[in-house]
């Protein structure tokens, strides 16, 4: 692989983003965070991209913040050492969670701290059965960032989230799924291929409907039933005017497989 901290590959309508610091277990330094944010902005705005796959090079998905860089920042100017939380981590997570196209995480190995938050910000996950997870923040005297205080609670519930954050104990892929961090568990050597197949399937689907569905589900915790019914009705009305919907209805009546173009 080349020396870029992030690799961006176009595989048909799928954009594959690979965190590429395997020698540092894909720890997030300034170069990688900047490259990831810019790449996500690019693929989010590119209509030719209909699904996104995020993974890591080597045997780790992402071990979170590069602590060597963080230690240097603390020594240099502790008052600004955490500016990266709002300047880098927040926009990265927001892009993963809210872009109008599905995002799949291929969690090929160790996934801790902000790495776990990145995986949870994606819509779907494929987990290598050898992957190891942990929240990791309290081990260095910190609390959650990158949205983990919200996404982890939504995934596993408040009681389990407190246990995972306060104790910081590691857990495996099958435990993750058992506790609510949903994903398909496969051998490490199959994780990339399974995730690409899943992303390609999504890219060939009704991406406009996926975008509306992501928005509705994201609001589920913040509104009552009446608001949800109204939001659903408005989303259905918008989708009802798309070529995808009209074509799919005709295809159903003709007993043939529909073709979706995302419009």
Protein backbone atom coordinates (compact mmCIF):
# COMPACT_ATOMS: atom_id res chain seq x y z
CA UNK A 1 0.00 0.00 0.00
CA UNK A 2 1.16 3.57 -0.62
CA UNK A 3 2.16 5.94 2.17
CA UNK A 4 -1.07 7.93 2.28
CA UNK A 5 -2.74 7.84 5.71
CA UNK A 6 -6.08 7.17 4.00
CA UNK A 7 -6.76 5.24 0.82
CA UNK A 8 -9.81 6.07 -1.30
CA UNK A 9 -10.85 3.52 -3.90
CA UNK A 10 -13.84 3.59 -6.22
CA UNK A 11 -15.32 0.12 -6.72
CA UNK A 12 -18.23 0.78 -9.05
CA UNK A 13 -20.72 2.85 -7.06
CA UNK A 14 -19.00 2.00 -3.76
CA UNK A 15 -16.34 4.28 -2.25
CA UNK A 16 -13.91 2.25 -0.13
CA UNK A 17 -12.06 4.26 2.55
CA UNK A 18 -9.16 2.45 4.21
CA UNK A 19 -7.43 3.83 7.29
CA UNK A 20 -3.82 3.26 6.29
CA UNK A 21 -1.48 3.46 9.27
CA UNK A 22 -1.10 -0.28 9.92
CA UNK A 23 2.23 0.20 11.71
CA UNK A 24 0.34 2.32 14.28
CA UNK A 25 -2.76 0.11 14.21
CA UNK A 26 -4.54 2.92 12.36
CA UNK A 27 -4.28 5.31 15.28
CA UNK A 28 -5.82 8.65 14.40
CA UNK A 29 -3.21 11.39 14.06
CA UNK A 30 -3.76 14.79 12.49
CA UNK A 31 -2.92 13.59 8.99
CA UNK A 32 -5.33 10.66 9.09
CA UNK A 33 -8.15 12.66 10.69
CA UNK A 34 -7.84 15.42 8.12
CA UNK A 35 -7.69 12.97 5.23
CA UNK A 36 -10.69 11.02 6.53
CA UNK A 37 -12.81 14.13 7.02
CA UNK A 38 -12.01 15.43 3.54
CA UNK A 39 -12.64 12.04 1.92
CA UNK A 40 -16.00 11.71 3.66
CA UNK A 41 -16.97 15.21 2.52
CA UNK A 42 -16.00 14.23 -1.03
CA UNK A 43 -17.92 10.96 -1.20
CA UNK A 44 -20.94 12.40 0.60
CA UNK A 45 -21.26 15.07 -2.11
CA UNK A 46 -20.55 12.72 -5.05
CA UNK A 47 -23.77 11.48 -6.65
CA UNK A 48 -21.83 8.69 -8.38
CA UNK A 49 -21.11 7.18 -4.95
CA UNK A 50 -24.14 5.24 -3.74
CA UNK A 51 -22.59 3.46 -0.74
CA UNK A 52 -19.45 3.82 1.39
CA UNK A 53 -17.24 1.19 3.00
CA UNK A 54 -14.89 2.08 5.88
CA UNK A 55 -12.15 -0.31 6.98
CA UNK A 56 -8.58 -0.46 8.27
CA UNK A 57 -5.32 -1.72 6.82
CA UNK A 58 -3.50 -4.53 8.57
CA UNK A 59 -4.85 -6.31 11.63
CA UNK A 60 -6.61 -3.36 13.28
CA UNK A 61 -9.66 -1.36 12.34
CA UNK A 62 -8.71 1.64 14.49
CA UNK A 63 -7.30 2.02 18.00
CA UNK A 64 -8.51 5.60 18.40
CA UNK A 65 -6.44 8.71 18.98
CA UNK A 66 -2.69 8.48 18.39
CA UNK A 67 -1.54 8.93 21.99
CA UNK A 68 2.02 9.87 21.05
CA UNK A 69 0.68 12.88 19.15
CA UNK A 70 -1.77 13.61 21.96
CA UNK A 71 1.01 13.56 24.59
CA UNK A 72 3.00 16.03 22.53
CA UNK A 73 -0.06 18.28 22.28
CA UNK A 74 -0.55 18.14 26.05
CA UNK A 75 3.06 19.11 26.66
CA UNK A 76 2.87 21.91 24.12
CA UNK A 77 -0.51 23.45 25.01
CA UNK A 78 -2.88 21.42 27.17
CA UNK A 79 -5.57 24.07 26.81
CA UNK A 80 -5.89 23.34 23.11
CA UNK A 81 -4.99 19.65 23.06
CA UNK A 82 -8.66 18.73 22.81
CA UNK A 83 -9.64 21.12 20.03
CA UNK A 84 -9.50 18.09 17.75
CA UNK A 85 -12.64 16.67 19.37
CA UNK A 86 -14.84 19.37 17.83
CA UNK A 87 -12.67 20.16 14.82
CA UNK A 88 -12.04 16.60 13.62
CA UNK A 89 -13.89 13.86 15.46
CA UNK A 90 -17.30 15.55 15.53
CA UNK A 91 -17.49 16.31 11.78
CA UNK A 92 -16.16 12.84 10.89
CA UNK A 93 -18.80 11.10 12.98
CA UNK A 94 -21.52 13.46 11.76
CA UNK A 95 -20.61 12.69 8.14
CA UNK A 96 -20.62 8.92 8.72
CA UNK A 97 -23.94 8.98 10.54
CA UNK A 98 -25.90 11.49 8.46
CA UNK A 99 -24.69 11.33 4.86
CA UNK A 100 -27.53 10.47 2.50
CA UNK A 101 -26.14 7.08 1.54
CA UNK A 102 -25.49 3.87 3.46
CA UNK A 103 -22.12 3.38 5.18
CA UNK A 104 -20.73 -0.07 6.03
CA UNK A 105 -17.87 -0.69 8.46
CA UNK A 106 -15.61 -3.69 7.86
CA UNK A 107 -14.19 -4.11 11.35
CA UNK A 108 -11.20 -6.24 10.46
CA UNK A 109 -9.49 -6.19 13.85
CA UNK A 110 -8.91 -4.19 17.04
CA UNK A 111 -11.55 -1.49 17.43
CA UNK A 112 -11.27 0.70 20.51
CA UNK A 113 -11.89 4.25 21.71
CA UNK A 114 -12.73 6.57 18.86
CA UNK A 115 -12.36 3.57 16.55
CA UNK A 116 -15.37 1.98 18.25
CA UNK A 117 -17.24 5.27 17.87
CA UNK A 118 -16.47 5.32 14.13
CA UNK A 119 -17.79 1.78 13.73
CA UNK A 120 -20.97 2.63 15.63
CA UNK A 121 -21.52 5.76 13.51
CA UNK A 122 -21.74 3.56 10.40
CA UNK A 123 -25.09 2.10 9.40
CA UNK A 124 -24.06 -1.55 9.14
CA UNK A 125 -21.07 -3.53 10.36
CA UNK A 126 -19.21 -6.66 9.34
CA UNK A 127 -17.11 -7.87 12.28
CA UNK A 128 -14.08 -10.11 12.05
CA UNK A 129 -14.58 -12.86 14.62
CA UNK A 130 -11.05 -12.13 15.89
CA UNK A 131 -11.84 -8.43 16.47
CA UNK A 132 -11.37 -7.01 19.96
CA UNK A 133 -13.41 -4.05 21.19
CA UNK A 134 -13.13 -1.65 24.13
CA UNK A 135 -14.20 1.87 25.03
CA UNK A 136 -10.70 2.61 26.42
CA UNK A 137 -11.32 6.23 27.46
CA UNK A 138 -11.31 5.81 31.25
CA UNK A 139 -8.01 3.91 31.05
CA UNK A 140 -6.35 7.27 30.29
CA UNK A 141 -8.55 9.36 32.56
CA UNK A 142 -10.95 10.59 29.91
CA UNK A 143 -14.61 10.19 29.03
CA UNK A 144 -16.29 9.45 25.71
CA UNK A 145 -15.93 11.46 22.54
CA UNK A 146 -16.93 10.98 18.91
CA UNK A 147 -20.56 10.44 19.89
CA UNK A 148 -19.89 7.23 21.80
CA UNK A 149 -21.95 8.34 24.83
CA UNK A 150 -24.98 8.34 22.52
CA UNK A 151 -24.31 5.57 19.99
CA UNK A 152 -23.15 3.03 22.57
CA UNK A 153 -26.20 3.63 24.77
CA UNK A 154 -28.48 3.25 21.75
CA UNK A 155 -26.74 0.03 20.78
CA UNK A 156 -26.44 -1.79 24.10
CA UNK A 157 -28.62 0.14 26.55
CA UNK A 158 -27.68 2.45 29.41
CA UNK A 159 -26.72 -0.19 31.99
CA UNK A 160 -24.37 -2.10 29.68
CA UNK A 161 -22.92 1.15 28.29
CA UNK A 162 -22.03 2.28 31.83
CA UNK A 163 -20.34 -1.04 32.48
CA UNK A 164 -18.34 -0.88 29.25
CA UNK A 165 -17.28 2.74 29.75
CA UNK A 166 -16.56 2.68 33.49
CA UNK A 167 -14.76 -0.67 33.58
CA UNK A 168 -13.21 -0.36 30.14
CA UNK A 169 -12.92 -4.13 29.76
CA UNK A 170 -12.34 -5.56 26.30
CA UNK A 171 -14.84 -7.83 24.57
CA UNK A 172 -15.08 -9.88 21.41
CA UNK A 173 -17.17 -9.73 18.27
CA UNK A 174 -19.74 -12.30 19.35
CA UNK A 175 -20.19 -10.52 22.68
CA UNK A 176 -20.64 -7.28 20.76
CA UNK A 177 -23.46 -8.76 18.71
CA UNK A 178 -25.02 -10.43 21.76
CA UNK A 179 -25.10 -7.08 23.57
CA UNK A 180 -26.61 -5.14 20.66
CA UNK A 181 -23.69 -3.88 18.56
CA UNK A 182 -25.20 -5.48 15.52
CA UNK A 183 -23.07 -6.91 12.77
CA UNK A 184 -22.26 -9.97 10.73
CA UNK A 185 -19.45 -11.97 12.35
CA UNK A 186 -17.10 -13.65 9.87
CA UNK A 187 -13.49 -14.88 9.82
CA UNK A 188 -10.97 -12.05 9.47
CA UNK A 189 -9.96 -13.07 5.96
CA UNK A 190 -13.58 -12.80 4.81
CA UNK A 191 -14.50 -9.49 6.45
CA UNK A 192 -13.41 -7.26 3.59
CA UNK A 193 -15.10 -9.31 0.89
CA UNK A 194 -18.35 -9.71 2.83
CA UNK A 195 -18.44 -5.98 3.57
CA UNK A 196 -17.80 -5.11 -0.10
CA UNK A 197 -20.59 -7.45 -1.17
CA UNK A 198 -22.94 -5.81 1.35
CA UNK A 199 -21.94 -2.30 0.24
CA UNK A 200 -22.41 -3.24 -3.43
CA UNK A 201 -25.86 -4.62 -2.64
CA UNK A 202 -26.80 -1.36 -0.95
CA UNK A 203 -25.34 0.70 -3.81
CA UNK A 204 -27.64 -1.12 -6.22
CA UNK A 205 -30.68 -0.44 -4.05
CA UNK A 206 -33.10 2.46 -3.57
CA UNK A 207 -30.59 4.93 -2.18
CA UNK A 208 -33.10 7.77 -1.99
CA UNK A 209 -35.23 5.57 0.24
CA UNK A 210 -32.18 4.66 2.30
CA UNK A 211 -31.42 8.34 2.87
CA UNK A 212 -34.96 9.07 4.05
CA UNK A 213 -34.90 5.99 6.27
CA UNK A 214 -31.63 7.06 7.90
CA UNK A 215 -33.11 10.46 8.71
CA UNK A 216 -36.29 8.98 10.18
CA UNK A 217 -34.45 6.44 12.33
CA UNK A 218 -32.00 9.07 13.59
CA UNK A 219 -34.92 11.14 14.87
CA UNK A 220 -36.63 8.20 16.59
CA UNK A 221 -35.25 9.05 20.02
CA UNK A 222 -36.16 12.72 19.87
CA UNK A 223 -39.84 12.78 18.88
CA UNK A 224 -43.19 11.37 19.90
CA UNK A 225 -45.46 9.13 17.83
CA UNK A 226 -47.35 12.03 16.28
CA UNK A 227 -44.17 13.68 15.06
CA UNK A 228 -42.89 10.35 13.73
CA UNK A 229 -46.11 9.75 11.79
CA UNK A 230 -45.91 13.22 10.27
CA UNK A 231 -42.25 12.80 9.34
CA UNK A 232 -42.96 9.41 7.75
CA UNK A 233 -45.85 10.82 5.73
CA UNK A 234 -43.69 13.65 4.38
CA UNK A 235 -40.84 11.27 3.55
CA UNK A 236 -43.21 8.90 1.74
CA UNK A 237 -44.64 11.80 -0.24
CA UNK A 238 -41.15 12.84 -1.36
CA UNK A 239 -40.23 9.28 -2.32
CA UNK A 240 -43.54 8.86 -4.10
CA UNK A 241 -42.35 11.35 -6.71
CA UNK A 242 -39.13 9.46 -7.48
CA UNK A 243 -38.45 7.41 -10.57
CA UNK A 244 -37.22 4.63 -8.30
CA UNK A 245 -40.61 4.24 -6.66
CA UNK A 246 -42.63 4.40 -9.88
CA UNK A 247 -40.30 1.95 -11.59
CA UNK A 248 -40.33 -0.48 -8.68
CA UNK A 249 -44.13 -0.55 -8.57
CA UNK A 250 -44.30 -1.29 -12.29
CA UNK A 251 -41.62 -3.95 -11.93
CA UNK A 252 -43.60 -5.61 -9.14
CA UNK A 253 -46.73 -5.68 -11.28
CA UNK A 254 -44.73 -7.09 -14.21
CA UNK A 255 -43.11 -9.71 -11.95
CA UNK A 256 -39.57 -8.53 -12.71
CA UNK A 257 -36.70 -7.26 -10.60
CA UNK A 258 -36.63 -3.45 -10.22
CA UNK A 259 -33.64 -1.30 -11.14
CA UNK A 260 -32.85 1.59 -8.83
CA UNK A 261 -30.99 4.75 -9.80
CA UNK A 262 -31.27 6.76 -6.61
CA UNK A 263 -33.66 9.36 -8.01
